[in-house]
PDB file of N, CA and C in Angstrom:
ATOM      1  N   MET A   1      88.334 108.347 129.893  1.00  0.00           N
ATOM      2  CA  MET A   1      89.238 109.039 128.988  1.00  0.00           C
ATOM      3  C   MET A   1      89.564 108.167 127.781  1.00  0.00           C
ATOM      4  N   VAL A   2      89.793 106.900 127.984  1.00  0.00           N
ATOM      5  CA  VAL A   2      90.149 106.020 126.887  1.00  0.00           C
ATOM      6  C   VAL A   2      88.978 105.867 125.928  1.00  0.00           C
ATOM      7  N   THR A   3      87.776 105.793 126.446  1.00  0.00           N
ATOM      8  CA  THR A   3      86.599 105.620 125.600  1.00  0.00           C
ATOM      9  C   THR A   3      86.398 106.825 124.687  1.00  0.00           C
ATOM     10  N   SER A   4      86.607 108.011 125.187  1.00  0.00           N
ATOM     11  CA  SER A   4      86.448 109.201 124.345  1.00  0.00           C
ATOM     12  C   SER A   4      87.525 109.252 123.264  1.00  0.00           C
ATOM     13  N   GLU A   5      88.730 108.817 123.586  1.00  0.00           N
ATOM     14  CA  GLU A   5      89.788 108.777 122.581  1.00  0.00           C
ATOM     15  C   GLU A   5      89.452 107.738 121.509  1.00  0.00           C
ATOM     16  N   TYR A   6      88.900 106.612 121.914  1.00  0.00           N
ATOM     17  CA  TYR A   6      88.496 105.584 120.968  1.00  0.00           C
ATOM     18  C   TYR A   6      87.400 106.117 120.044  1.00  0.00           C
ATOM     19  N   ALA A   7      86.450 106.845 120.605  1.00  0.00           N
ATOM     20  CA  ALA A   7      85.359 107.408 119.807  1.00  0.00           C
ATOM     21  C   ALA A   7      85.885 108.426 118.801  1.00  0.00           C
ATOM     22  N   MET A   8      86.806 109.254 119.206  1.00  0.00           N
ATOM     23  CA  MET A   8      87.371 110.247 118.290  1.00  0.00           C
ATOM     24  C   MET A   8      88.161 109.568 117.169  1.00  0.00           C
ATOM     25  N   GLY A   9      88.893 108.527 117.503  1.00  0.00           N
ATOM     26  CA  GLY A   9      89.620 107.775 116.476  1.00  0.00           C
ATOM     27  C   GLY A   9      88.680 107.110 115.493  1.00  0.00           C
ATOM     28  N   LEU A  10      87.578 106.581 115.993  1.00  0.00           N
ATOM     29  CA  LEU A  10      86.586 105.940 115.131  1.00  0.00           C
ATOM     30  C   LEU A  10      85.935 106.957 114.205  1.00  0.00           C
ATOM     31  N   ILE A  11      85.612 108.118 114.730  1.00  0.00           N
ATOM     32  CA  ILE A  11      85.020 109.176 113.910  1.00  0.00           C
ATOM     33  C   ILE A  11      85.999 109.624 112.822  1.00  0.00           C
ATOM     34  N   ALA A  12      87.257 109.757 113.167  1.00  0.00           N
ATOM     35  CA  ALA A  12      88.269 110.144 112.183  1.00  0.00           C
ATOM     36  C   ALA A  12      88.428 109.075 111.110  1.00  0.00           C
ATOM     37  N   ALA A  13      88.409 107.809 111.503  1.00  0.00           N
ATOM     38  CA  ALA A  13      88.547 106.720 110.536  1.00  0.00           C
ATOM     39  C   ALA A  13      87.351 106.669 109.584  1.00  0.00           C
ATOM     40  N   VAL A  14      86.163 106.877 110.098  1.00  0.00           N
ATOM     41  CA  VAL A  14      84.966 106.888 109.252  1.00  0.00           C
ATOM     42  C   VAL A  14      85.004 108.076 108.294  1.00  0.00           C
ATOM     43  N   GLY A  15      85.442 109.209 108.771  1.00  0.00           N
ATOM     44  CA  GLY A  15      85.570 110.379 107.901  1.00  0.00           C
ATOM     45  C   GLY A  15      86.572 110.156 106.788  1.00  0.00           C
ATOM     46  N   PHE A  16      87.710 109.562 107.127  1.00  0.00           N
ATOM     47  CA  PHE A  16      88.729 109.276 106.116  1.00  0.00           C
ATOM     48  C   PHE A  16      88.219 108.252 105.115  1.00  0.00           C
ATOM     49  N   ALA A  17      87.506 107.227 105.580  1.00  0.00           N
ATOM     50  CA  ALA A  17      86.968 106.207 104.685  1.00  0.00           C
ATOM     51  C   ALA A  17      85.942 106.807 103.735  1.00  0.00           C
ATOM     52  N   SER A  18      85.096 107.692 104.219  1.00  0.00           N
ATOM     53  CA  SER A  18      84.095 108.302 103.345  1.00  0.00           C
ATOM     54  C   SER A  18      84.747 109.217 102.314  1.00  0.00           C
ATOM     55  N   LEU A  19      85.792 109.936 102.710  1.00  0.00           N
ATOM     56  CA  LEU A  19      86.517 110.775 101.761  1.00  0.00           C
ATOM     57  C   LEU A  19      87.194 109.927 100.696  1.00  0.00           C
ATOM     58  N   LEU A  20      87.814 108.838 101.094  1.00  0.00           N
ATOM     59  CA  LEU A  20      88.461 107.935 100.148  1.00  0.00           C
ATOM     60  C   LEU A  20      87.449 107.326  99.190  1.00  0.00           C
ATOM     61  N   TYR A  21      86.277 106.965  99.692  1.00  0.00           N
ATOM     62  CA  TYR A  21      85.214 106.415  98.847  1.00  0.00           C
ATOM     63  C   TYR A  21      84.767 107.444  97.807  1.00  0.00           C
ATOM     64  N   LYS A  22      84.590 108.698  98.226  1.00  0.00           N
ATOM     65  CA  LYS A  22      84.179 109.751  97.291  1.00  0.00           C
ATOM     66  C   LYS A  22      85.228 109.948  96.201  1.00  0.00           C
ATOM     67  N   VAL A  23      86.509 109.925  96.570  1.00  0.00           N
ATOM     68  CA  VAL A  23      87.572 110.117  95.585  1.00  0.00           C
ATOM     69  C   VAL A  23      87.611 108.951  94.609  1.00  0.00           C
ATOM     70  N   LEU A  24      87.514 107.726  95.123  1.00  0.00           N
ATOM     71  CA  LEU A  24      87.617 106.557  94.256  1.00  0.00           C
ATOM     72  C   LEU A  24      86.407 106.373  93.352  1.00  0.00           C
ATOM     73  N   THR A  25      85.269 106.917  93.721  1.00  0.00           N
ATOM     74  CA  THR A  25      84.085 106.776  92.880  1.00  0.00           C
ATOM     75  C   THR A  25      83.845 108.008  92.012  1.00  0.00           C
ATOM     76  N   SER A  26      84.777 108.957  91.995  1.00  0.00           N
ATOM     77  CA  SER A  26      84.626 110.115  91.122  1.00  0.00           C
ATOM     78  C   SER A  26      84.850 109.692  89.673  1.00  0.00           C
ATOM     79  N   GLY A  27      84.343 110.468  88.757  1.00  0.00           N
ATOM     80  CA  GLY A  27      84.399 110.125  87.333  1.00  0.00           C
ATOM     81  C   GLY A  27      85.806 109.979  86.793  1.00  0.00           C
ATOM     82  N   GLN A  28      86.697 110.902  87.143  1.00  0.00           N
ATOM     83  CA  GLN A  28      88.054 110.859  86.608  1.00  0.00           C
ATOM     84  C   GLN A  28      88.823 109.646  87.115  1.00  0.00           C
ATOM     85  N   VAL A  29      88.687 109.344  88.380  1.00  0.00           N
ATOM     86  CA  VAL A  29      89.404 108.197  88.952  1.00  0.00           C
ATOM     87  C   VAL A  29      88.849 106.898  88.385  1.00  0.00           C
ATOM     88  N   MET A  30      87.523 106.824  88.249  1.00  0.00           N
ATOM     89  CA  MET A  30      86.922 105.613  87.677  1.00  0.00           C
ATOM     90  C   MET A  30      87.398 105.401  86.242  1.00  0.00           C
ATOM     91  N   ALA A  31      87.491 106.468  85.458  1.00  0.00           N
ATOM     92  CA  ALA A  31      87.967 106.364  84.080  1.00  0.00           C
ATOM     93  C   ALA A  31      89.426 105.920  84.036  1.00  0.00           C
ATOM     94  N   ALA A  32      90.244 106.454  84.933  1.00  0.00           N
ATOM     95  CA  ALA A  32      91.658 106.068  84.968  1.00  0.00           C
ATOM     96  C   ALA A  32      91.811 104.598  85.349  1.00  0.00           C
ATOM     97  N   LEU A  33      91.060 104.156  86.360  1.00  0.00           N
ATOM     98  CA  LEU A  33      91.134 102.745  86.763  1.00  0.00           C
ATOM     99  C   LEU A  33      90.628 101.825  85.654  1.00  0.00           C
ATOM    100  N   GLN A  34      89.576 102.242  84.957  1.00  0.00           N
ATOM    101  CA  GLN A  34      89.052 101.445  83.850  1.00  0.00           C
ATOM    102  C   GLN A  34      90.085 101.342  82.732  1.00  0.00           C
ATOM    103  N   GLY A  35      90.788 102.436  82.467  1.00  0.00           N
ATOM    104  CA  GLY A  35      91.836 102.418  81.452  1.00  0.00           C
ATOM    105  C   GLY A  35      92.967 101.474  81.818  1.00  0.00           C
ATOM    106  N   ILE A  36      93.339 101.449  83.083  1.00  0.00           N
ATOM    107  CA  ILE A  36      94.402 100.543  83.534  1.00  0.00           C
ATOM    108  C   ILE A  36      93.973  99.097  83.382  1.00  0.00           C
ATOM    109  N   VAL A  37      92.741  98.797  83.764  1.00  0.00           N
ATOM    110  CA  VAL A  37      92.242  97.423  83.655  1.00  0.00           C
ATOM    111  C   VAL A  37      92.139  97.011  82.192  1.00  0.00           C
ATOM    112  N   ASP A  38      91.627  97.890  81.345  1.00  0.00           N
ATOM    113  CA  ASP A  38      91.520  97.580  79.900  1.00  0.00           C
ATOM    114  C   ASP A  38      92.880  97.308  79.292  1.00  0.00           C
ATOM    115  N   LYS A  39      93.851  98.146  79.656  1.00  0.00           N
ATOM    116  CA  LYS A  39      95.201  97.969  79.128  1.00  0.00           C
ATOM    117  C   LYS A  39      95.804  96.643  79.596  1.00  0.00           C
ATOM    118  N   ALA A  40      95.550  96.284  80.856  1.00  0.00           N
ATOM    119  CA  ALA A  40      96.093  95.035  81.391  1.00  0.00           C
ATOM    120  C   ALA A  40      95.439  93.820  80.720  1.00  0.00           C
ATOM    121  N   LEU A  41      94.171  93.920  80.374  1.00  0.00           N
ATOM    122  CA  LEU A  41      93.488  92.794  79.748  1.00  0.00           C
ATOM    123  C   LEU A  41      93.829  92.643  78.273  1.00  0.00           C
ATOM    124  N   ASP A  42      94.334  93.708  77.639  1.00  0.00           N
ATOM    125  CA  ASP A  42      94.682  93.662  76.227  1.00  0.00           C
ATOM    126  C   ASP A  42      96.123  93.225  75.960  1.00  0.00           C
ATOM    127  N   VAL A  43      96.870  92.891  76.999  1.00  0.00           N
ATOM    128  CA  VAL A  43      98.276  92.499  76.840  1.00  0.00           C
ATOM    129  C   VAL A  43      98.342  91.150  76.125  1.00  0.00           C
ATOM    130  N   GLN A  44      99.205  91.070  75.122  1.00  0.00           N
ATOM    131  CA  GLN A  44      99.398  89.827  74.358  1.00  0.00           C
ATOM    132  C   GLN A  44     100.515  89.011  75.013  1.00  0.00           C
ATOM    133  N   PHE A  45     100.277  87.734  75.183  1.00  0.00           N
ATOM    134  CA  PHE A  45     101.293  86.860  75.785  1.00  0.00           C
ATOM    135  C   PHE A  45     102.007  86.080  74.731  1.00  0.00           C
TER     136      PHE A  45
END
């Protein structure tokens, strides 16, 4: 019983990780992250 629960948890974690990867590598998110990094690098001290 414990092994099957572990397998289901692992499958759910892999599914969530793949969904998160797809979201973070989408065009809009990549552009937003690039804008944040550009803005942070252009700050004058």
